[in-house]
Amino acid sequence: MDVSKPIAAALFIYECFRLLLLAAFLAIASSMGNGIFWGIGAFFPHIVYISSNALFPLMALFIWLKPQEHQNYLTLYMAGKVIAVVLFFVWAISLPDTGNVAGNVTLWASSILINMADVLSVWGAWSLKKKYRKTESGGL
């Protein structure tokens, strides 16, 4: 049984779910504060962030549908995920205190869960890359 198809499908489903969660979190965060990056008038930076993250589901979809043709996307996918995890810590340091404890805890907990899942998705992409490299070299 080829285990690469279910892993690639899981990456795609996770990325779609992640994009929806990011949109929801950024909508909540934009309504929580009054600063330049937070508040009702600061929606444009969040849209830019979400649109760049829309590339992850597309890469996962291409890898799932035609893995041999798009296996080079795995390296780009993993690099993007590592950058996203590192930038989470930068974001966490610069997160302003809005005074809304429940909102801050919700954003923090959800963000940590998403980053843990991002680490797992890097592991899944790495295992796919290893499998495709074996297949090309004549292994299983």
N, C-alpha and C. Protein backbone atom coordinates (compact mmCIF):
# COMPACT_ATOMS: atom_id res chain seq x y z
N MET A 1 0.83 -1.18 0.00
CA MET A 1 0.00 0.00 0.00
C MET A 1 0.88 1.25 0.00
N ASP A 2 0.54 2.19 -0.84
CA ASP A 2 1.29 3.44 -0.95
C ASP A 2 0.79 4.41 0.12
N VAL A 3 1.64 4.69 1.10
CA VAL A 3 1.25 5.57 2.20
C VAL A 3 1.41 7.04 1.85
N SER A 4 2.01 7.34 0.71
CA SER A 4 2.23 8.75 0.37
C SER A 4 0.94 9.48 0.04
N LYS A 5 -0.02 8.81 -0.56
CA LYS A 5 -1.29 9.46 -0.91
C LYS A 5 -2.07 9.92 0.33
N PRO A 6 -2.25 9.06 1.35
CA PRO A 6 -2.95 9.55 2.55
C PRO A 6 -2.21 10.68 3.27
N ILE A 7 -0.88 10.62 3.29
CA ILE A 7 -0.12 11.69 3.93
C ILE A 7 -0.30 12.99 3.16
N ALA A 8 -0.22 12.92 1.83
CA ALA A 8 -0.41 14.12 1.02
C ALA A 8 -1.83 14.65 1.15
N ALA A 9 -2.81 13.77 1.21
CA ALA A 9 -4.20 14.21 1.40
C ALA A 9 -4.38 14.86 2.77
N ALA A 10 -3.76 14.30 3.79
CA ALA A 10 -3.85 14.89 5.12
C ALA A 10 -3.20 16.27 5.16
N LEU A 11 -2.08 16.44 4.45
CA LEU A 11 -1.45 17.76 4.38
C LEU A 11 -2.40 18.77 3.74
N PHE A 12 -3.07 18.37 2.67
CA PHE A 12 -3.99 19.28 1.99
C PHE A 12 -5.17 19.65 2.89
N ILE A 13 -5.76 18.66 3.54
CA ILE A 13 -6.91 18.93 4.42
C ILE A 13 -6.49 19.83 5.58
N TYR A 14 -5.33 19.53 6.15
CA TYR A 14 -4.84 20.37 7.25
C TYR A 14 -4.62 21.81 6.78
N GLU A 15 -4.04 21.98 5.61
CA GLU A 15 -3.75 23.33 5.12
C GLU A 15 -5.03 24.12 4.86
N CYS A 16 -6.05 23.47 4.37
CA CYS A 16 -7.35 24.16 4.17
C CYS A 16 -7.93 24.58 5.51
N PHE A 17 -7.90 23.68 6.49
CA PHE A 17 -8.39 23.98 7.83
C PHE A 17 -7.57 25.10 8.46
N ARG A 18 -6.26 25.06 8.29
CA ARG A 18 -5.37 26.07 8.86
C ARG A 18 -5.66 27.44 8.27
N LEU A 19 -5.91 27.51 6.97
CA LEU A 19 -6.20 28.79 6.33
C LEU A 19 -7.50 29.39 6.88
N LEU A 20 -8.50 28.55 7.07
CA LEU A 20 -9.76 29.04 7.66
C LEU A 20 -9.55 29.53 9.09
N LEU A 21 -8.76 28.80 9.87
CA LEU A 21 -8.48 29.23 11.24
C LEU A 21 -7.70 30.54 11.27
N LEU A 22 -6.72 30.68 10.38
CA LEU A 22 -5.96 31.93 10.33
C LEU A 22 -6.86 33.11 10.01
N ALA A 23 -7.76 32.93 9.07
CA ALA A 23 -8.69 34.00 8.72
C ALA A 23 -9.55 34.37 9.92
N ALA A 24 -10.03 33.36 10.64
CA ALA A 24 -10.86 33.63 11.82
C ALA A 24 -10.06 34.33 12.91
N PHE A 25 -8.82 33.87 13.17
CA PHE A 25 -8.00 34.48 14.20
C PHE A 25 -7.67 35.92 13.87
N LEU A 26 -7.36 36.18 12.62
CA LEU A 26 -7.01 37.54 12.24
C LEU A 26 -8.23 38.45 12.29
N ALA A 27 -9.39 37.92 11.99
CA ALA A 27 -10.61 38.72 12.12
C ALA A 27 -10.87 39.05 13.59
N ILE A 28 -10.67 38.08 14.47
CA ILE A 28 -10.85 38.32 15.90
C ILE A 28 -9.81 39.32 16.40
N ALA A 29 -8.55 39.12 15.99
CA ALA A 29 -7.48 39.99 16.46
C ALA A 29 -7.67 41.42 15.95
N SER A 30 -8.17 41.58 14.74
CA SER A 30 -8.34 42.93 14.21
C SER A 30 -9.45 43.68 14.94
N SER A 31 -10.33 42.98 15.60
CA SER A 31 -11.39 43.65 16.34
C SER A 31 -11.05 43.87 17.81
N MET A 32 -9.87 43.39 18.24
CA MET A 32 -9.51 43.46 19.66
C MET A 32 -8.81 44.74 20.07
N GLY A 33 -8.06 45.37 19.18
CA GLY A 33 -7.24 46.50 19.60
C GLY A 33 -7.48 47.74 18.76
N ASN A 34 -6.68 48.77 19.05
CA ASN A 34 -6.82 50.04 18.35
C ASN A 34 -5.52 50.50 17.71
N GLY A 35 -4.50 49.68 17.68
CA GLY A 35 -3.20 50.11 17.16
C GLY A 35 -3.13 50.09 15.64
N ILE A 36 -1.93 50.29 15.14
CA ILE A 36 -1.71 50.32 13.69
C ILE A 36 -1.95 48.93 13.10
N PHE A 37 -1.45 47.89 13.76
CA PHE A 37 -1.59 46.53 13.24
C PHE A 37 -2.82 45.82 13.77
N TRP A 38 -3.49 46.41 14.72
CA TRP A 38 -4.70 45.82 15.29
C TRP A 38 -5.79 46.87 15.22
N GLY A 39 -6.98 46.47 15.13
CA GLY A 39 -8.10 47.41 15.08
C GLY A 39 -8.84 47.29 13.77
N ILE A 40 -9.99 47.93 13.71
CA ILE A 40 -10.86 47.82 12.55
C ILE A 40 -10.19 48.35 11.29
N GLY A 41 -9.43 49.42 11.38
CA GLY A 41 -8.82 50.02 10.20
C GLY A 41 -7.59 49.31 9.70
N ALA A 42 -7.13 48.29 10.38
CA ALA A 42 -5.88 47.62 10.02
C ALA A 42 -6.13 46.25 9.42
N PHE A 43 -7.15 46.11 8.60
CA PHE A 43 -7.49 44.81 8.05
C PHE A 43 -6.59 44.44 6.87
N PHE A 44 -6.08 45.41 6.13
CA PHE A 44 -5.28 45.13 4.94
C PHE A 44 -4.03 44.28 5.23
N PRO A 45 -3.23 44.58 6.27
CA PRO A 45 -2.06 43.72 6.53
C PRO A 45 -2.45 42.26 6.79
N HIS A 46 -3.61 42.05 7.39
CA HIS A 46 -4.04 40.69 7.68
C HIS A 46 -4.43 39.95 6.40
N ILE A 47 -5.05 40.65 5.46
CA ILE A 47 -5.40 40.05 4.18
C ILE A 47 -4.13 39.66 3.42
N VAL A 48 -3.12 40.50 3.48
CA VAL A 48 -1.85 40.18 2.82
C VAL A 48 -1.25 38.92 3.44
N TYR A 49 -1.31 38.80 4.75
CA TYR A 49 -0.78 37.62 5.43
C TYR A 49 -1.55 36.36 5.04
N ILE A 50 -2.86 36.47 5.00
CA ILE A 50 -3.69 35.30 4.65
C ILE A 50 -3.46 34.90 3.19
N SER A 51 -3.35 35.87 2.30
CA SER A 51 -3.19 35.52 0.88
C SER A 51 -1.86 34.81 0.62
N SER A 52 -0.80 35.20 1.32
CA SER A 52 0.46 34.47 1.13
C SER A 52 0.38 33.06 1.72
N ASN A 53 -0.40 32.88 2.77
CA ASN A 53 -0.58 31.55 3.34
C ASN A 53 -1.49 30.67 2.49
N ALA A 54 -2.19 31.25 1.54
CA ALA A 54 -3.04 30.46 0.64
C ALA A 54 -2.21 29.59 -0.30
N LEU A 55 -0.92 29.87 -0.40
CA LEU A 55 -0.06 29.04 -1.24
C LEU A 55 0.17 27.65 -0.66
N PHE A 56 0.10 27.52 0.66
CA PHE A 56 0.32 26.21 1.28
C PHE A 56 -0.73 25.18 0.86
N PRO A 57 -2.03 25.50 0.89
CA PRO A 57 -2.99 24.50 0.41
C PRO A 57 -2.80 24.17 -1.07
N LEU A 58 -2.41 25.16 -1.86
CA LEU A 58 -2.19 24.89 -3.28
C LEU A 58 -1.01 23.94 -3.49
N MET A 59 0.09 24.18 -2.77
CA MET A 59 1.23 23.27 -2.89
C MET A 59 0.85 21.87 -2.44
N ALA A 60 0.13 21.76 -1.33
CA ALA A 60 -0.29 20.45 -0.83
C ALA A 60 -1.23 19.76 -1.81
N LEU A 61 -2.10 20.52 -2.47
CA LEU A 61 -3.00 19.95 -3.47
C LEU A 61 -2.21 19.39 -4.65
N PHE A 62 -1.26 20.16 -5.15
CA PHE A 62 -0.45 19.69 -6.28
C PHE A 62 0.36 18.45 -5.91
N ILE A 63 0.91 18.44 -4.71
CA ILE A 63 1.68 17.27 -4.25
C ILE A 63 0.78 16.05 -4.12
N TRP A 64 -0.44 16.24 -3.70
CA TRP A 64 -1.37 15.14 -3.54
C TRP A 64 -1.81 14.59 -4.90
N LEU A 65 -2.15 15.48 -5.84
CA LEU A 65 -2.69 15.02 -7.12
C LEU A 65 -1.63 14.44 -8.06
N LYS A 66 -0.47 15.09 -8.16
CA LYS A 66 0.59 14.61 -9.05
C LYS A 66 1.93 14.69 -8.32
N PRO A 67 2.18 13.75 -7.44
CA PRO A 67 3.38 13.85 -6.59
C PRO A 67 4.69 13.79 -7.37
N GLN A 68 4.76 13.00 -8.41
CA GLN A 68 6.03 12.88 -9.13
C GLN A 68 6.39 14.17 -9.86
N GLU A 69 5.39 14.88 -10.36
CA GLU A 69 5.65 16.13 -11.07
C GLU A 69 5.93 17.29 -10.13
N HIS A 70 5.33 17.28 -8.94
CA HIS A 70 5.41 18.42 -8.04
C HIS A 70 6.16 18.13 -6.75
N GLN A 71 6.99 17.09 -6.73
CA GLN A 71 7.69 16.75 -5.50
C GLN A 71 8.71 17.82 -5.10
N ASN A 72 9.14 18.65 -6.05
CA ASN A 72 10.07 19.72 -5.69
C ASN A 72 9.41 20.78 -4.82
N TYR A 73 8.08 20.83 -4.80
CA TYR A 73 7.36 21.77 -3.93
C TYR A 73 7.53 21.41 -2.46
N LEU A 74 7.90 20.18 -2.17
CA LEU A 74 8.05 19.76 -0.78
C LEU A 74 9.11 20.58 -0.06
N THR A 75 10.21 20.87 -0.73
CA THR A 75 11.27 21.67 -0.13
C THR A 75 10.77 23.08 0.16
N LEU A 76 10.07 23.66 -0.80
CA LEU A 76 9.50 24.99 -0.61
C LEU A 76 8.46 24.98 0.51
N TYR A 77 7.66 23.95 0.55
CA TYR A 77 6.63 23.79 1.59
C TYR A 77 7.28 23.75 2.97
N MET A 78 8.31 22.92 3.12
CA MET A 78 8.97 22.79 4.41
C MET A 78 9.66 24.10 4.82
N ALA A 79 10.30 24.77 3.87
CA ALA A 79 10.96 26.04 4.19
C ALA A 79 9.94 27.08 4.63
N GLY A 80 8.82 27.14 3.95
CA GLY A 80 7.77 28.09 4.33
C GLY A 80 7.22 27.80 5.72
N LYS A 81 7.07 26.54 6.04
CA LYS A 81 6.55 26.16 7.36
C LYS A 81 7.55 26.52 8.46
N VAL A 82 8.82 26.29 8.22
CA VAL A 82 9.83 26.64 9.22
C VAL A 82 9.83 28.16 9.44
N ILE A 83 9.73 28.91 8.36
CA ILE A 83 9.67 30.37 8.48
C ILE A 83 8.42 30.78 9.26
N ALA A 84 7.29 30.14 9.00
CA ALA A 84 6.05 30.46 9.71
C ALA A 84 6.17 30.19 11.20
N VAL A 85 6.82 29.10 11.57
CA VAL A 85 6.98 28.78 12.99
C VAL A 85 7.91 29.79 13.67
N VAL A 86 8.99 30.17 13.00
CA VAL A 86 9.91 31.16 13.56
C VAL A 86 9.20 32.51 13.70
N LEU A 87 8.44 32.89 12.69
CA LEU A 87 7.74 34.17 12.75
C LEU A 87 6.64 34.18 13.81
N PHE A 88 6.12 33.01 14.15
CA PHE A 88 5.16 32.96 15.25
C PHE A 88 5.79 33.47 16.53
N PHE A 89 7.04 33.07 16.79
CA PHE A 89 7.69 33.52 18.01
C PHE A 89 7.97 35.02 17.97
N VAL A 90 8.30 35.54 16.81
CA VAL A 90 8.47 37.00 16.66
C VAL A 90 7.14 37.69 16.93
N TRP A 91 6.06 37.15 16.40
CA TRP A 91 4.73 37.71 16.61
C TRP A 91 4.35 37.64 18.08
N ALA A 92 4.66 36.53 18.71
CA ALA A 92 4.29 36.34 20.12
C ALA A 92 4.99 37.36 21.01
N ILE A 93 6.23 37.70 20.67
CA ILE A 93 6.97 38.68 21.45
C ILE A 93 6.37 40.08 21.28
N SER A 94 5.92 40.38 20.06
CA SER A 94 5.43 41.73 19.78
C SER A 94 3.93 41.89 19.98
N LEU A 95 3.24 40.85 20.45
CA LEU A 95 1.79 40.92 20.63
C LEU A 95 1.45 41.94 21.71
N PRO A 96 0.67 42.95 21.34
CA PRO A 96 0.31 43.96 22.35
C PRO A 96 -0.71 43.41 23.35
N ASP A 97 -0.66 43.96 24.55
CA ASP A 97 -1.64 43.56 25.56
C ASP A 97 -2.91 44.36 25.31
N THR A 98 -3.98 43.68 24.97
CA THR A 98 -5.23 44.35 24.66
C THR A 98 -6.13 44.50 25.88
N GLY A 99 -5.77 43.88 26.98
CA GLY A 99 -6.61 43.94 28.16
C GLY A 99 -7.70 42.88 28.15
N ASN A 100 -7.88 42.21 27.05
CA ASN A 100 -8.89 41.16 26.92
C ASN A 100 -8.21 39.82 27.18
N VAL A 101 -8.25 39.38 28.43
CA VAL A 101 -7.52 38.17 28.83
C VAL A 101 -8.04 36.94 28.10
N ALA A 102 -9.35 36.80 28.01
CA ALA A 102 -9.92 35.62 27.34
C ALA A 102 -9.53 35.60 25.86
N GLY A 103 -9.56 36.75 25.21
CA GLY A 103 -9.17 36.81 23.80
C GLY A 103 -7.70 36.50 23.61
N ASN A 104 -6.85 37.04 24.49
CA ASN A 104 -5.42 36.76 24.39
C ASN A 104 -5.11 35.29 24.61
N VAL A 105 -5.74 34.68 25.60
CA VAL A 105 -5.51 33.26 25.89
C VAL A 105 -5.98 32.40 24.71
N THR A 106 -7.12 32.75 24.14
CA THR A 106 -7.64 32.00 23.00
C THR A 106 -6.69 32.10 21.82
N LEU A 107 -6.23 33.30 21.51
CA LEU A 107 -5.29 33.46 20.39
C LEU A 107 -3.99 32.71 20.64
N TRP A 108 -3.46 32.81 21.87
CA TRP A 108 -2.21 32.13 22.19
C TRP A 108 -2.35 30.61 22.09
N ALA A 109 -3.39 30.07 22.71
CA ALA A 109 -3.57 28.62 22.72
C ALA A 109 -3.78 28.10 21.30
N SER A 110 -4.59 28.78 20.54
CA SER A 110 -4.85 28.36 19.17
C SER A 110 -3.60 28.47 18.31
N SER A 111 -2.86 29.54 18.51
CA SER A 111 -1.63 29.72 17.73
C SER A 111 -0.60 28.65 18.06
N ILE A 112 -0.50 28.30 19.31
CA ILE A 112 0.44 27.24 19.70
C ILE A 112 0.03 25.91 19.08
N LEU A 113 -1.27 25.62 19.08
CA LEU A 113 -1.74 24.37 18.46
C LEU A 113 -1.46 24.36 16.96
N ILE A 114 -1.68 25.48 16.30
CA ILE A 114 -1.41 25.57 14.87
C ILE A 114 0.08 25.36 14.61
N ASN A 115 0.94 25.95 15.44
CA ASN A 115 2.38 25.78 15.23
C ASN A 115 2.84 24.37 15.51
N MET A 116 2.24 23.72 16.48
CA MET A 116 2.57 22.31 16.71
C MET A 116 2.16 21.47 15.50
N ALA A 117 1.00 21.78 14.92
CA ALA A 117 0.55 21.07 13.72
C ALA A 117 1.45 21.41 12.53
N ASP A 118 1.96 22.64 12.47
CA ASP A 118 2.90 23.00 11.40
C ASP A 118 4.18 22.17 11.50
N VAL A 119 4.64 21.96 12.71
CA VAL A 119 5.83 21.12 12.91
C VAL A 119 5.54 19.70 12.43
N LEU A 120 4.35 19.18 12.74
CA LEU A 120 3.97 17.85 12.27
C LEU A 120 3.86 17.81 10.74
N SER A 121 3.37 18.90 10.13
CA SER A 121 3.26 18.92 8.68
C SER A 121 4.64 18.96 8.03
N VAL A 122 5.61 19.61 8.67
CA VAL A 122 6.98 19.58 8.16
C VAL A 122 7.51 18.15 8.22
N TRP A 123 7.22 17.45 9.32
CA TRP A 123 7.65 16.06 9.43
C TRP A 123 7.00 15.21 8.34
N GLY A 124 5.69 15.42 8.09
CA GLY A 124 5.00 14.67 7.04
C GLY A 124 5.58 14.96 5.66
N ALA A 125 5.86 16.22 5.38
CA ALA A 125 6.46 16.58 4.08
C ALA A 125 7.86 16.00 3.96
N TRP A 126 8.61 15.98 5.06
CA TRP A 126 9.96 15.42 5.03
C TRP A 126 9.90 13.92 4.76
N SER A 127 8.93 13.23 5.37
CA SER A 127 8.81 11.79 5.13
C SER A 127 8.38 11.52 3.68
N LEU A 128 7.52 12.37 3.12
CA LEU A 128 7.16 12.22 1.70
C LEU A 128 8.38 12.43 0.81
N LYS A 129 9.16 13.45 1.13
CA LYS A 129 10.35 13.74 0.32
C LYS A 129 11.32 12.57 0.36
N LYS A 130 11.49 11.97 1.56
CA LYS A 130 12.36 10.80 1.69
C LYS A 130 11.83 9.64 0.85
N LYS A 131 10.53 9.43 0.87
CA LYS A 131 9.93 8.34 0.11
C LYS A 131 10.10 8.56 -1.39
N TYR A 132 9.87 9.78 -1.85
CA TYR A 132 10.02 10.05 -3.29
C TYR A 132 11.47 9.95 -3.73
N ARG A 133 12.40 10.30 -2.85
CA ARG A 133 13.81 10.17 -3.18
C ARG A 133 14.19 8.69 -3.30
N LYS A 134 13.63 7.85 -2.42
CA LYS A 134 13.87 6.40 -2.50
C LYS A 134 13.31 5.83 -3.80
N THR A 135 12.10 6.29 -4.15
CA THR A 135 11.44 5.80 -5.37
C THR A 135 12.26 6.14 -6.61
N GLU A 136 12.83 7.35 -6.64
CA GLU A 136 13.62 7.76 -7.78
C GLU A 136 14.91 6.98 -7.89
N SER A 137 15.48 6.60 -6.73
CA SER A 137 16.75 5.89 -6.76
C SER A 137 16.58 4.39 -6.93
N GLY A 138 15.33 3.92 -7.09
CA GLY A 138 15.11 2.51 -7.34
C GLY A 138 14.76 1.70 -6.12
N GLY A 139 14.53 2.36 -5.00
CA GLY A 139 14.14 1.66 -3.77
C GLY A 139 12.67 1.28 -3.86
N LEU A 140 12.06 1.15 -2.69
CA LEU A 140 10.64 0.79 -2.61
C LEU A 140 9.86 1.79 -3.35
